[in-house]
């Protein structure tokens, strides 16, 4: 695509993603009802979500779990070593991963409801994926190192906690096994991968694609709030899952705030 066309389209996205109605539209889309092949009754949305997210199609191939984590670790190292030269490859990977998460983390063959699609979740994560596809084309992110204020490093341990995802998936209780850093499913989930990607981008702000940054972080806020309500209010016995979503909330709010500022923090 010609440089001039990329510049114009990027400016259009920047303007649209600052409009209040754009965020309202994302919220409305998020609440599109789920599709179930066997049908479902009123008030079953929590059970539907729980069944889908406990065994989505993206977990069909267990080998992908460690592969996704190792790839992200390698990218973290590559960004330090190769800097801006790795930017486009990183964009392409996140775009591909975003499409996979949108299509396959939101769908499952469930015992109670048959083939199920969390339609709202799929729609908003596909929107994020489209923005990442655009970034893979436009290549607006620039991983050239910038001088950072010391306090901006708070995102590193918080993002690492999300990446580690220290939970026993059978009991949904705390489990700090170091093996989870390399083996569990966090690298294939929107809620755990988003804090990591956003944290990386915060270190290169404002030399990033602010529209993509903004949309990914706003959708992160939506998912975080819904999960915190679910685990801290509706299912308090599984409170640890709420704790695990605090990185998504904190980093998404921080990233969204950065994305809306005219100058860097």
Protein backbone atom coordinates (compact mmCIF):
# COMPACT_ATOMS: atom_id res chain seq x y z
CA UNK A 1 0.00 0.00 0.00
CA UNK A 2 1.25 3.48 -0.85
CA UNK A 3 2.68 5.53 2.00
CA UNK A 4 0.19 8.34 1.44
CA UNK A 5 -2.79 5.99 1.63
CA UNK A 6 -1.42 4.36 4.78
CA UNK A 7 -1.00 7.78 6.38
CA UNK A 8 -4.54 8.89 5.50
CA UNK A 9 -6.15 5.66 6.66
CA UNK A 10 -4.18 5.70 9.89
CA UNK A 11 -5.30 9.26 10.58
CA UNK A 12 -8.90 8.21 9.95
CA UNK A 13 -8.57 5.35 12.44
CA UNK A 14 -7.00 7.70 14.97
CA UNK A 15 -9.98 10.04 14.73
CA UNK A 16 -12.65 7.32 14.79
CA UNK A 17 -11.15 5.54 17.79
CA UNK A 18 -11.30 8.75 19.82
CA UNK A 19 -15.07 9.13 19.39
CA UNK A 20 -17.33 8.28 22.35
CA UNK A 21 -19.74 6.45 20.07
CA UNK A 22 -16.99 4.10 18.93
CA UNK A 23 -16.51 2.84 22.49
CA UNK A 24 -20.27 2.62 22.99
CA UNK A 25 -20.47 0.51 19.82
CA UNK A 26 -17.81 -1.87 21.15
CA UNK A 27 -19.79 -2.25 24.38
CA UNK A 28 -23.01 -2.99 22.49
CA UNK A 29 -21.26 -5.54 20.28
CA UNK A 30 -19.76 -7.23 23.33
CA UNK A 31 -23.23 -8.01 24.70
CA UNK A 32 -24.44 -9.84 21.58
CA UNK A 33 -25.98 -13.10 22.91
CA UNK A 34 -24.11 -16.37 22.54
CA UNK A 35 -25.07 -18.91 19.90
CA UNK A 36 -25.71 -22.50 21.05
CA UNK A 37 -26.62 -25.33 18.72
CA UNK A 38 -28.79 -26.99 21.41
CA UNK A 39 -30.38 -23.76 22.54
CA UNK A 40 -30.33 -22.24 26.03
CA UNK A 41 -32.70 -20.69 28.53
CA UNK A 42 -32.79 -17.26 30.10
CA UNK A 43 -30.18 -16.65 32.79
CA UNK A 44 -27.75 -19.29 31.53
CA UNK A 45 -25.14 -16.91 30.13
CA UNK A 46 -22.72 -17.47 33.03
CA UNK A 47 -22.85 -21.24 32.57
CA UNK A 48 -22.41 -20.89 28.80
CA UNK A 49 -19.35 -18.68 29.21
CA UNK A 50 -17.88 -21.02 31.83
CA UNK A 51 -18.28 -24.10 29.61
CA UNK A 52 -16.78 -22.43 26.56
CA UNK A 53 -13.80 -20.86 28.30
CA UNK A 54 -12.99 -24.01 30.25
CA UNK A 55 -12.33 -25.94 27.05
CA UNK A 56 -12.33 -23.73 23.93
CA UNK A 57 -11.33 -25.04 20.54
CA UNK A 58 -7.98 -23.28 20.76
CA UNK A 59 -7.01 -25.82 23.46
CA UNK A 60 -7.70 -28.74 21.10
CA UNK A 61 -3.98 -29.05 20.36
CA UNK A 62 -2.16 -28.94 23.75
CA UNK A 63 1.22 -28.54 22.04
CA UNK A 64 0.23 -24.99 21.14
CA UNK A 65 0.27 -23.95 24.81
CA UNK A 66 4.05 -24.16 25.36
CA UNK A 67 4.74 -23.10 21.77
CA UNK A 68 2.79 -19.86 22.21
CA UNK A 69 4.61 -19.07 25.46
CA UNK A 70 8.07 -19.82 24.08
CA UNK A 71 7.41 -17.68 20.99
CA UNK A 72 6.46 -14.72 23.15
CA UNK A 73 9.54 -15.18 25.33
CA UNK A 74 11.69 -15.25 22.20
CA UNK A 75 10.04 -12.09 20.95
CA UNK A 76 10.79 -10.37 24.24
CA UNK A 77 14.46 -11.26 23.84
CA UNK A 78 14.45 -10.33 20.14
CA UNK A 79 13.02 -6.88 20.84
CA UNK A 80 15.90 -6.19 23.23
CA UNK A 81 18.51 -7.43 20.75
CA UNK A 82 17.15 -6.44 17.33
CA UNK A 83 14.99 -3.47 18.37
CA UNK A 84 13.13 -1.88 15.43
CA UNK A 85 14.21 -4.63 13.03
CA UNK A 86 11.86 -7.09 14.74
CA UNK A 87 8.83 -4.78 14.80
CA UNK A 88 6.98 -5.99 11.71
CA UNK A 89 7.51 -9.67 12.58
CA UNK A 90 6.10 -8.99 16.05
CA UNK A 91 3.10 -7.22 14.51
CA UNK A 92 2.44 -10.14 12.19
CA UNK A 93 2.63 -12.67 15.02
CA UNK A 94 0.26 -10.71 17.25
CA UNK A 95 -2.14 -10.29 14.31
CA UNK A 96 -2.16 -14.05 13.62
CA UNK A 97 -2.50 -14.86 17.32
CA UNK A 98 -5.34 -12.33 17.68
CA UNK A 99 -7.28 -13.95 14.82
CA UNK A 100 -6.75 -17.41 16.34
CA UNK A 101 -7.92 -16.24 19.77
CA UNK A 102 -10.94 -14.45 18.30
CA UNK A 103 -12.09 -17.49 16.35
CA UNK A 104 -11.11 -20.36 18.61
CA UNK A 105 -11.01 -19.12 22.21
CA UNK A 106 -14.63 -18.03 21.88
CA UNK A 107 -15.96 -21.32 20.48
CA UNK A 108 -16.31 -24.79 21.95
CA UNK A 109 -18.15 -28.10 21.68
CA UNK A 110 -19.88 -28.19 25.07
CA UNK A 111 -21.75 -31.01 26.77
CA UNK A 112 -24.73 -28.88 27.78
CA UNK A 113 -25.16 -26.57 24.80
CA UNK A 114 -23.52 -28.30 21.85
CA UNK A 115 -21.41 -26.18 19.52
CA UNK A 116 -21.30 -22.76 21.15
CA UNK A 117 -20.03 -19.36 20.07
CA UNK A 118 -19.59 -16.49 22.49
CA UNK A 119 -20.73 -14.14 19.75
CA UNK A 120 -20.02 -10.86 21.53
CA UNK A 121 -16.57 -11.97 22.68
CA UNK A 122 -15.75 -13.16 19.17
CA UNK A 123 -16.93 -9.94 17.56
CA UNK A 124 -14.92 -7.54 19.73
CA UNK A 125 -11.77 -9.68 19.64
CA UNK A 126 -12.07 -9.90 15.85
CA UNK A 127 -12.19 -6.11 15.76
CA UNK A 128 -8.96 -6.05 17.76
CA UNK A 129 -7.50 -8.62 15.35
CA UNK A 130 -8.43 -6.44 12.37
CA UNK A 131 -6.59 -3.51 13.94
CA UNK A 132 -3.53 -5.72 14.42
CA UNK A 133 -3.76 -6.88 10.81
CA UNK A 134 -3.78 -3.23 9.82
CA UNK A 135 -0.73 -2.60 12.00
CA UNK A 136 1.06 -5.52 10.31
CA UNK A 137 0.49 -3.65 7.04
CA UNK A 138 1.08 -0.09 8.23
CA UNK A 139 3.99 -0.91 10.58
CA UNK A 140 3.46 2.19 12.72
CA UNK A 141 5.00 0.61 15.82
CA UNK A 142 8.65 1.49 16.24
CA UNK A 143 10.69 -0.54 18.71
CA UNK A 144 13.61 1.86 18.70
CA UNK A 145 14.49 2.24 22.42
CA UNK A 146 13.30 5.40 24.16
CA UNK A 147 14.51 6.87 27.42
CA UNK A 148 11.95 5.80 29.99
CA UNK A 149 10.96 7.19 33.36
CA UNK A 150 11.66 4.72 36.16
CA UNK A 151 8.03 4.38 37.22
CA UNK A 152 6.96 3.03 33.81
CA UNK A 153 8.62 -0.29 34.67
CA UNK A 154 5.74 -1.20 36.99
CA UNK A 155 4.11 -2.99 34.06
CA UNK A 156 6.88 -5.62 33.87
CA UNK A 157 6.11 -7.64 37.04
CA UNK A 158 2.36 -7.17 36.51
CA UNK A 159 2.53 -8.45 32.92
CA UNK A 160 4.80 -11.29 34.01
CA UNK A 161 2.19 -12.35 36.58
CA UNK A 162 -0.41 -12.57 33.79
CA UNK A 163 2.02 -14.47 31.56
CA UNK A 164 2.88 -16.90 34.37
CA UNK A 165 -0.84 -17.45 35.15
CA UNK A 166 -0.18 -19.32 38.42
CA UNK A 167 -3.38 -21.31 38.83
CA UNK A 168 -4.31 -24.97 39.11
CA UNK A 169 -6.87 -25.28 36.32
CA UNK A 170 -8.55 -28.27 37.98
CA UNK A 171 -9.34 -26.43 41.22
CA UNK A 172 -8.95 -22.79 40.08
CA UNK A 173 -6.81 -22.15 43.15
CA UNK A 174 -3.34 -20.57 43.47
CA UNK A 175 -0.49 -22.70 42.20
CA UNK A 176 2.89 -21.04 41.76
CA UNK A 177 4.63 -23.84 39.92
CA UNK A 178 7.44 -22.32 37.82
CA UNK A 179 6.60 -24.82 35.08
CA UNK A 180 3.54 -22.72 34.23
CA UNK A 181 5.82 -20.02 32.89
CA UNK A 182 6.40 -22.33 29.93
CA UNK A 183 3.52 -24.77 29.85
CA UNK A 184 0.05 -23.41 30.57
CA UNK A 185 -2.55 -21.79 28.28
CA UNK A 186 -2.01 -18.10 29.06
CA UNK A 187 -0.28 -17.54 25.72
CA UNK A 188 -3.51 -18.49 23.93
CA UNK A 189 -5.97 -16.31 25.86
CA UNK A 190 -6.94 -12.70 25.26
CA UNK A 191 -7.09 -11.85 28.95
CA UNK A 192 -3.52 -12.97 29.68
CA UNK A 193 -1.76 -12.15 26.43
CA UNK A 194 -3.14 -8.60 26.21
CA UNK A 195 -1.36 -7.28 29.35
CA UNK A 196 1.93 -8.60 27.98
CA UNK A 197 1.53 -7.06 24.52
CA UNK A 198 0.27 -3.75 25.90
CA UNK A 199 3.10 -3.64 28.43
CA UNK A 200 5.63 -4.00 25.62
CA UNK A 201 4.01 -1.20 23.63
CA UNK A 202 3.98 1.19 26.60
CA UNK A 203 7.77 1.32 26.49
CA UNK A 204 7.69 2.63 22.91
CA UNK A 205 4.83 5.08 23.29
CA UNK A 206 4.22 7.47 21.54
CA UNK A 207 6.01 5.79 18.60
CA UNK A 208 3.30 3.14 18.22
CA UNK A 209 0.03 2.59 16.40
CA UNK A 210 -2.18 4.45 18.86
CA UNK A 211 -5.44 3.29 17.24
CA UNK A 212 -4.53 -0.39 17.65
CA UNK A 213 -3.14 0.29 21.13
CA UNK A 214 -6.36 2.10 22.09
CA UNK A 215 -8.79 -0.52 20.81
CA UNK A 216 -6.89 -3.47 22.30
CA UNK A 217 -6.71 -1.76 25.69
CA UNK A 218 -10.37 -0.71 25.72
CA UNK A 219 -11.49 -4.24 24.91
CA UNK A 220 -9.11 -5.37 27.65
CA UNK A 221 -10.92 -3.11 30.11
CA UNK A 222 -14.28 -4.59 29.08
CA UNK A 223 -13.08 -8.16 29.59
CA UNK A 224 -11.36 -7.28 32.87
CA UNK A 225 -14.43 -5.62 34.39
CA UNK A 226 -16.71 -8.49 33.38
CA UNK A 227 -14.28 -11.04 34.80
CA UNK A 228 -13.83 -9.16 38.06
CA UNK A 229 -17.60 -9.02 38.52
CA UNK A 230 -17.84 -12.72 37.71
CA UNK A 231 -15.07 -13.90 40.05
CA UNK A 232 -15.30 -11.37 42.89
CA UNK A 233 -19.09 -10.98 43.03
CA UNK A 234 -20.93 -13.85 41.32
CA UNK A 235 -18.47 -16.70 41.98
CA UNK A 236 -16.57 -15.67 45.09
CA UNK A 237 -15.28 -19.18 45.76
CA UNK A 238 -13.12 -18.76 42.64
CA UNK A 239 -11.70 -15.39 43.73
CA UNK A 240 -8.20 -16.30 42.55
CA UNK A 241 -9.39 -16.07 38.94
CA UNK A 242 -10.36 -12.49 39.70
CA UNK A 243 -6.87 -11.79 41.02
CA UNK A 244 -5.43 -13.20 37.80
CA UNK A 245 -7.41 -10.64 35.81
CA UNK A 246 -6.10 -7.63 37.75
CA UNK A 247 -3.10 -7.28 35.39
CA UNK A 248 -5.51 -7.03 32.46
CA UNK A 249 -7.47 -4.28 34.20
CA UNK A 250 -4.51 -2.25 35.45
CA UNK A 251 -2.38 -2.39 32.31
CA UNK A 252 -5.37 -1.88 29.99
CA UNK A 253 -6.45 1.25 31.90
CA UNK A 254 -2.87 2.55 31.83
CA UNK A 255 -2.49 1.81 28.11
CA UNK A 256 -5.87 3.33 27.27
CA UNK A 257 -4.95 6.48 29.19
CA UNK A 258 -1.66 6.71 27.31
CA UNK A 259 -3.42 6.21 23.99
CA UNK A 260 -5.81 9.09 24.61
CA UNK A 261 -3.14 11.61 25.56
CA UNK A 262 -1.81 14.02 22.98
CA UNK A 263 1.68 13.81 24.48
CA UNK A 264 3.55 10.96 26.16
CA UNK A 265 3.54 10.41 29.90
